[in-house]
Amino acid sequence: MANIKSAAKRARQAKVRTARNRSTLNRIKTLSRKSGAAFDAKDKKVASENIREMSSELDRAVKQGTIHRNTANRRKSALARKLAAI
């Protein structure tokens, strides 16, 4: 355990932030799997709905600082290309 008060606070903050980031990333992965299943089924309506939801979640993750802006944009672009290919 940290001996210095500020180091102890940093450790507590890191725990909270790690939990928040992990939750966000798990949500993104879940939505990604759902989108993949919709693409495999060639269901354009469900896929577009999942993309909209995933796009929102990616933007939220960028705003929180969980992922980089370019990573989110790259993932959204890839999803849009897949949707157009259906």
Protein backbone atom coordinates (compact mmCIF):
# COMPACT_ATOMS: atom_id res chain seq x y z
CA MET A 1 0.00 0.00 0.00
CA ALA A 2 1.12 3.54 -0.66
CA ASN A 3 2.72 5.46 2.19
CA ILE A 4 1.94 8.88 0.76
CA LYS A 5 -1.57 10.28 0.90
CA SER A 6 -1.59 11.45 -2.72
CA ALA A 7 -0.33 8.06 -3.94
CA ALA A 8 -3.12 6.33 -2.04
CA LYS A 9 -5.65 8.62 -3.69
CA ARG A 10 -4.16 7.89 -7.11
CA ALA A 11 -4.50 4.17 -6.44
CA ARG A 12 -8.17 4.59 -5.52
CA GLN A 13 -8.80 6.71 -8.62
CA ALA A 14 -7.06 4.17 -10.83
CA LYS A 15 -9.37 1.42 -9.53
CA VAL A 16 -12.48 3.43 -10.33
CA ARG A 17 -11.23 4.49 -13.76
CA THR A 18 -10.15 0.96 -14.65
CA ALA A 19 -13.60 -0.36 -13.77
CA ARG A 20 -15.29 2.36 -15.84
CA ASN A 21 -13.01 1.77 -18.83
CA ARG A 22 -13.45 -2.00 -18.63
CA SER A 23 -17.22 -1.61 -18.55
CA THR A 24 -17.19 0.66 -21.59
CA LEU A 25 -14.88 -1.64 -23.56
CA ASN A 26 -16.98 -4.70 -22.71
CA ARG A 27 -20.10 -2.87 -23.94
CA ILE A 28 -18.33 -2.01 -27.20
CA LYS A 29 -17.22 -5.63 -27.68
CA THR A 30 -20.74 -6.90 -27.03
CA LEU A 31 -22.22 -4.49 -29.54
CA SER A 32 -19.52 -5.46 -32.04
CA ARG A 33 -20.48 -9.13 -31.72
CA LYS A 34 -24.17 -8.26 -32.18
CA SER A 35 -23.34 -6.24 -35.28
CA GLY A 36 -21.26 -9.11 -36.64
CA ALA A 37 -24.15 -11.50 -36.16
CA ALA A 38 -26.48 -9.10 -37.98
CA PHE A 39 -24.00 -8.81 -40.87
CA ASP A 40 -23.72 -12.59 -41.09
CA ALA A 41 -27.51 -12.86 -41.22
CA LYS A 42 -27.64 -10.11 -43.89
CA ASP A 43 -30.23 -8.28 -41.79
CA LYS A 44 -29.81 -4.66 -42.84
CA LYS A 45 -32.41 -3.20 -40.47
CA VAL A 46 -30.94 -4.80 -37.33
CA ALA A 47 -27.39 -4.08 -38.50
CA SER A 48 -28.10 -0.38 -39.02
CA GLU A 49 -29.72 -0.16 -35.60
CA ASN A 50 -26.70 -1.87 -34.01
CA ILE A 51 -24.32 0.45 -35.87
CA ARG A 52 -26.16 3.49 -34.59
CA GLU A 53 -25.96 2.19 -31.03
CA MET A 54 -22.31 1.22 -31.39
CA SER A 55 -21.43 4.59 -32.89
CA SER A 56 -22.95 6.29 -29.88
CA GLU A 57 -21.03 4.04 -27.51
CA LEU A 58 -17.75 4.66 -29.36
CA ASP A 59 -18.30 8.41 -29.16
CA ARG A 60 -18.98 8.10 -25.44
CA ALA A 61 -15.76 6.11 -24.98
CA VAL A 62 -13.80 8.80 -26.82
CA LYS A 63 -15.35 11.49 -24.67
CA GLN A 64 -14.36 9.58 -21.51
CA GLY A 65 -10.84 9.07 -22.85
CA THR A 66 -11.15 5.29 -22.92
CA ILE A 67 -10.21 4.96 -26.59
CA HIS A 68 -8.55 7.27 -29.11
CA ARG A 69 -10.66 9.35 -31.47
CA ASN A 70 -9.08 7.83 -34.59
CA THR A 71 -9.75 4.30 -33.32
CA ALA A 72 -13.44 5.10 -32.91
CA ASN A 73 -13.63 6.72 -36.34
CA ARG A 74 -11.88 3.75 -37.95
CA ARG A 75 -14.30 1.30 -36.34
CA LYS A 76 -17.35 3.36 -37.35
CA SER A 77 -16.05 3.59 -40.90
CA ALA A 78 -15.53 -0.17 -41.11
CA LEU A 79 -19.07 -0.78 -39.87
CA ALA A 80 -20.48 1.65 -42.43
CA ARG A 81 -18.58 -0.13 -45.23
CA LYS A 82 -19.94 -3.50 -44.08
CA LEU A 83 -23.47 -2.11 -43.96
CA ALA A 84 -23.15 -0.71 -47.47
CA ALA A 85 -21.96 -4.10 -48.71
CA ILE A 86 -25.16 -5.84 -47.54
